[in-house]
């Protein structure tokens, strides 16, 4: 069944993060970027998300639910970075090392708060995140930085990590007992979704359930958790 059907039946409720990334028209925003300026108007997306998190332990629908889900953390990260740029009086259009550290600390605190709330109220917590390719230098590989680019002298391993800007994309998996990879394959000429629950050499996938030798499941977590 689609989420539309489940919403109509009252089995699923949702809160939409409907704030734009930047509260400006495209022309004025382009001018800011061209002049290397941070957002002049305070972005409201992260504020809205924070208000929704505060609402979790007060709202009847949230307290009745068995599962809390955030879709997607990748898009949420875009709101976070723009607020960081706006709040830093020394910032320009690109993030500084200090800004990246603020983002890393905020992600760690945010994910920890969500996990603690879910445990306190006995909820399953599901986060969806997009994927990106990440270049991981080998043990003796030298990394050379030139502006915003980096070059490697030596062995480079290609990994697939959560698509979150900055360092936290490489750390997110460590916070969860279950970390799955959803993918689409073509079977008999038709696209089919499937869920991988074990590592594939590129992604840090895992499950705490005894699934034997089985690697792939339908995208129905009840079949994994039974």
Protein backbone atom coordinates (compact mmCIF):
# COMPACT_ATOMS: atom_id res chain seq x y z
CA UNK A 1 0.00 0.00 0.00
CA UNK A 2 1.18 3.53 -0.68
CA UNK A 3 1.66 6.13 2.04
CA UNK A 4 -1.33 7.96 0.57
CA UNK A 5 -3.54 4.99 1.47
CA UNK A 6 -2.03 4.69 4.94
CA UNK A 7 -2.46 8.41 5.60
CA UNK A 8 -6.10 8.25 4.49
CA UNK A 9 -6.68 5.38 6.93
CA UNK A 10 -5.00 7.29 9.76
CA UNK A 11 -2.21 4.73 10.15
CA UNK A 12 0.48 7.20 9.13
CA UNK A 13 0.76 10.85 10.10
CA UNK A 14 3.41 13.27 8.88
CA UNK A 15 4.83 16.71 9.52
CA UNK A 16 6.23 18.46 6.50
CA UNK A 17 9.37 20.57 6.57
CA UNK A 18 8.06 23.06 4.05
CA UNK A 19 10.53 25.90 4.56
CA UNK A 20 12.67 26.87 1.53
CA UNK A 21 16.45 26.48 1.71
CA UNK A 22 16.83 30.23 1.28
CA UNK A 23 14.09 32.80 1.82
CA UNK A 24 15.08 34.94 -1.17
CA UNK A 25 14.38 35.14 -4.86
CA UNK A 26 16.85 33.51 -7.22
CA UNK A 27 18.29 36.77 -8.52
CA UNK A 28 19.24 38.18 -5.11
CA UNK A 29 20.60 34.83 -3.98
CA UNK A 30 22.78 34.57 -7.08
CA UNK A 31 24.13 38.05 -6.31
CA UNK A 32 25.07 36.91 -2.81
CA UNK A 33 26.87 33.83 -4.11
CA UNK A 34 28.69 35.80 -6.80
CA UNK A 35 29.88 38.27 -4.16
CA UNK A 36 30.90 35.39 -1.84
CA UNK A 37 28.37 36.41 0.82
CA UNK A 38 26.57 34.23 3.34
CA UNK A 39 22.72 34.24 3.35
CA UNK A 40 21.52 37.69 4.42
CA UNK A 41 18.10 36.46 5.56
CA UNK A 42 17.96 33.81 8.30
CA UNK A 43 17.01 30.42 6.78
CA UNK A 44 14.14 28.82 8.71
CA UNK A 45 14.39 25.15 7.72
CA UNK A 46 16.58 23.97 10.61
CA UNK A 47 14.51 26.00 13.08
CA UNK A 48 11.38 24.23 11.82
CA UNK A 49 13.03 20.84 12.19
CA UNK A 50 14.14 21.65 15.75
CA UNK A 51 10.55 22.63 16.60
CA UNK A 52 9.29 19.32 15.21
CA UNK A 53 11.79 17.39 17.35
CA UNK A 54 10.61 19.29 20.44
CA UNK A 55 7.04 18.35 19.49
CA UNK A 56 7.72 14.59 19.50
CA UNK A 57 7.23 14.08 23.23
CA UNK A 58 4.18 16.34 23.44
CA UNK A 59 2.07 15.43 20.42
CA UNK A 60 -0.61 12.71 20.69
CA UNK A 61 0.05 11.33 17.20
CA UNK A 62 3.78 11.09 17.85
CA UNK A 63 3.27 9.36 21.19
CA UNK A 64 0.79 6.85 19.73
CA UNK A 65 3.06 5.97 16.81
CA UNK A 66 5.27 2.88 16.88
CA UNK A 67 7.88 4.35 14.54
CA UNK A 68 9.37 7.80 13.97
CA UNK A 69 10.97 8.38 10.58
CA UNK A 70 12.90 11.28 9.05
CA UNK A 71 13.03 11.46 5.26
CA UNK A 72 15.61 12.50 4.35
CA UNK A 73 18.56 13.44 6.53
CA UNK A 74 20.50 14.42 3.40
CA UNK A 75 18.03 17.17 2.54
CA UNK A 76 17.91 18.23 6.20
CA UNK A 77 21.67 18.76 6.09
CA UNK A 78 21.25 21.39 3.38
CA UNK A 79 19.13 23.46 5.78
CA UNK A 80 21.68 23.05 8.58
CA UNK A 81 24.62 24.32 6.53
CA UNK A 82 22.80 27.44 5.36
CA UNK A 83 21.86 28.38 8.91
CA UNK A 84 25.49 27.94 10.00
CA UNK A 85 26.64 30.31 7.26
CA UNK A 86 24.01 32.88 8.23
CA UNK A 87 24.88 32.76 11.93
CA UNK A 88 28.65 33.14 11.52
CA UNK A 89 29.47 36.87 11.32
CA UNK A 90 32.78 36.04 9.61
CA UNK A 91 31.31 33.62 7.07
CA UNK A 92 31.16 33.99 3.32
CA UNK A 93 29.48 31.75 0.73
CA UNK A 94 31.74 28.77 1.58
CA UNK A 95 32.09 27.03 4.92
CA UNK A 96 35.28 27.48 6.94
CA UNK A 97 36.93 24.70 9.01
CA UNK A 98 35.22 26.19 12.06
CA UNK A 99 31.85 25.99 10.28
CA UNK A 100 32.45 22.34 9.39
CA UNK A 101 33.27 21.60 13.03
CA UNK A 102 30.01 23.25 14.10
CA UNK A 103 28.14 21.07 11.60
CA UNK A 104 29.84 17.90 12.89
CA UNK A 105 29.05 18.73 16.52
CA UNK A 106 25.44 19.59 15.66
CA UNK A 107 24.92 16.31 13.82
CA UNK A 108 26.32 14.30 16.74
CA UNK A 109 24.07 16.10 19.19
CA UNK A 110 21.02 15.88 16.93
CA UNK A 111 21.30 12.15 16.23
CA UNK A 112 21.99 11.40 19.90
CA UNK A 113 18.93 13.40 20.99
CA UNK A 114 16.71 11.58 18.46
CA UNK A 115 17.99 8.15 19.54
CA UNK A 116 17.55 8.98 23.24
CA UNK A 117 13.99 10.22 22.65
CA UNK A 118 13.11 7.11 20.67
CA UNK A 119 14.44 4.87 23.45
CA UNK A 120 12.66 6.86 26.14
CA UNK A 121 9.29 6.50 24.40
CA UNK A 122 9.91 2.99 23.02
CA UNK A 123 9.83 3.94 19.32
CA UNK A 124 11.62 2.56 16.31
CA UNK A 125 13.66 5.35 14.73
CA UNK A 126 14.21 5.26 10.97
CA UNK A 127 16.38 7.76 9.12
CA UNK A 128 16.69 7.71 5.34
CA UNK A 129 19.77 9.14 3.68
CA UNK A 130 21.00 9.39 0.11
CA UNK A 131 24.35 7.91 -0.90
CA UNK A 132 27.54 9.34 -2.30
CA UNK A 133 30.90 8.00 -3.41
CA UNK A 134 33.72 8.76 -0.98
CA UNK A 135 37.45 8.44 -1.65
CA UNK A 136 39.23 6.90 1.33
CA UNK A 137 43.04 7.22 1.18
CA UNK A 138 45.04 4.10 2.00
CA UNK A 139 47.34 3.78 5.00
CA UNK A 140 50.44 5.26 3.35
CA UNK A 141 48.69 7.52 0.86
CA UNK A 142 49.62 11.20 0.86
CA UNK A 143 46.83 13.75 0.47
CA UNK A 144 47.64 17.06 -1.20
CA UNK A 145 45.16 19.95 -1.00
CA UNK A 146 44.97 22.65 -3.65
CA UNK A 147 42.17 25.11 -2.98
CA UNK A 148 38.94 23.10 -2.79
CA UNK A 149 40.49 20.10 -4.55
CA UNK A 150 42.51 17.26 -3.13
CA UNK A 151 44.89 14.86 -4.86
CA UNK A 152 46.12 11.46 -3.69
CA UNK A 153 49.58 9.99 -4.05
CA UNK A 154 49.12 6.29 -3.39
CA UNK A 155 46.24 3.86 -2.98
CA UNK A 156 42.65 5.15 -2.79
CA UNK A 157 39.69 3.02 -1.72
CA UNK A 158 36.25 3.96 -3.02
CA UNK A 159 33.46 3.72 -0.44
CA UNK A 160 29.74 4.49 -0.50
CA UNK A 161 28.73 6.65 2.45
CA UNK A 162 25.66 8.66 3.50
CA UNK A 163 25.35 11.85 1.46
CA UNK A 164 25.98 14.34 4.26
CA UNK A 165 28.40 17.18 3.72
CA UNK A 166 31.46 17.06 5.94
CA UNK A 167 32.85 14.35 8.18
CA UNK A 168 29.64 13.08 9.73
CA UNK A 169 28.66 11.16 6.60
CA UNK A 170 31.42 8.69 7.51
CA UNK A 171 30.23 8.39 11.12
CA UNK A 172 26.44 8.10 10.87
CA UNK A 173 26.37 4.29 10.57
CA UNK A 174 28.16 3.89 13.92
CA UNK A 175 25.12 5.28 15.76
CA UNK A 176 22.71 2.54 14.64
CA UNK A 177 22.31 -1.20 15.19
CA UNK A 178 20.56 -1.55 11.82
CA UNK A 179 22.04 0.08 8.72
CA UNK A 180 20.59 -1.08 5.41
CA UNK A 181 21.19 -0.29 1.76
CA UNK A 182 18.13 0.10 -0.49
CA UNK A 183 18.66 -0.33 -4.21
CA UNK A 184 16.79 -0.92 -7.46
CA UNK A 185 17.62 -3.83 -9.75
CA UNK A 186 16.04 -4.92 -13.02
CA UNK A 187 14.33 -8.31 -12.89
CA UNK A 188 12.56 -9.65 -15.97
CA UNK A 189 12.70 -6.19 -17.49
CA UNK A 190 11.06 -4.50 -14.49
CA UNK A 191 12.59 -2.37 -11.70
CA UNK A 192 12.46 -4.06 -8.29
CA UNK A 193 13.41 -2.53 -4.94
CA UNK A 194 15.45 -4.66 -2.57
CA UNK A 195 17.16 -4.18 0.80
CA UNK A 196 20.71 -5.34 1.55
CA UNK A 197 21.49 -5.94 5.24
CA UNK A 198 25.13 -7.10 5.09
CA UNK A 199 28.34 -5.29 4.08
CA UNK A 200 29.27 -5.29 0.41
CA UNK A 201 32.85 -4.06 0.68
CA UNK A 202 31.87 -0.45 0.04
CA UNK A 203 29.09 0.30 2.51
CA UNK A 204 29.08 -0.27 6.28
CA UNK A 205 25.79 -2.17 6.27
CA UNK A 206 24.73 -4.29 9.24
CA UNK A 207 21.88 -5.98 11.05
CA UNK A 208 21.63 -7.25 14.63
CA UNK A 209 19.06 -9.90 13.65
CA UNK A 210 20.00 -13.49 12.85
CA UNK A 211 19.26 -13.69 9.14
CA UNK A 212 21.59 -16.59 8.41
CA UNK A 213 23.24 -16.40 5.01
CA UNK A 214 20.51 -14.22 3.54
CA UNK A 215 21.80 -10.89 2.21
CA UNK A 216 18.80 -9.34 0.44
CA UNK A 217 15.21 -8.83 1.60
CA UNK A 218 12.12 -7.18 0.24
CA UNK A 219 11.81 -3.58 1.40
CA UNK A 220 9.61 -4.66 4.30
CA UNK A 221 11.56 -4.48 7.54
CA UNK A 222 9.05 -6.81 9.27
CA UNK A 223 10.55 -9.66 7.25
CA UNK A 224 13.97 -8.86 8.70
CA UNK A 225 12.87 -8.26 12.25
CA UNK A 226 10.60 -11.32 12.67
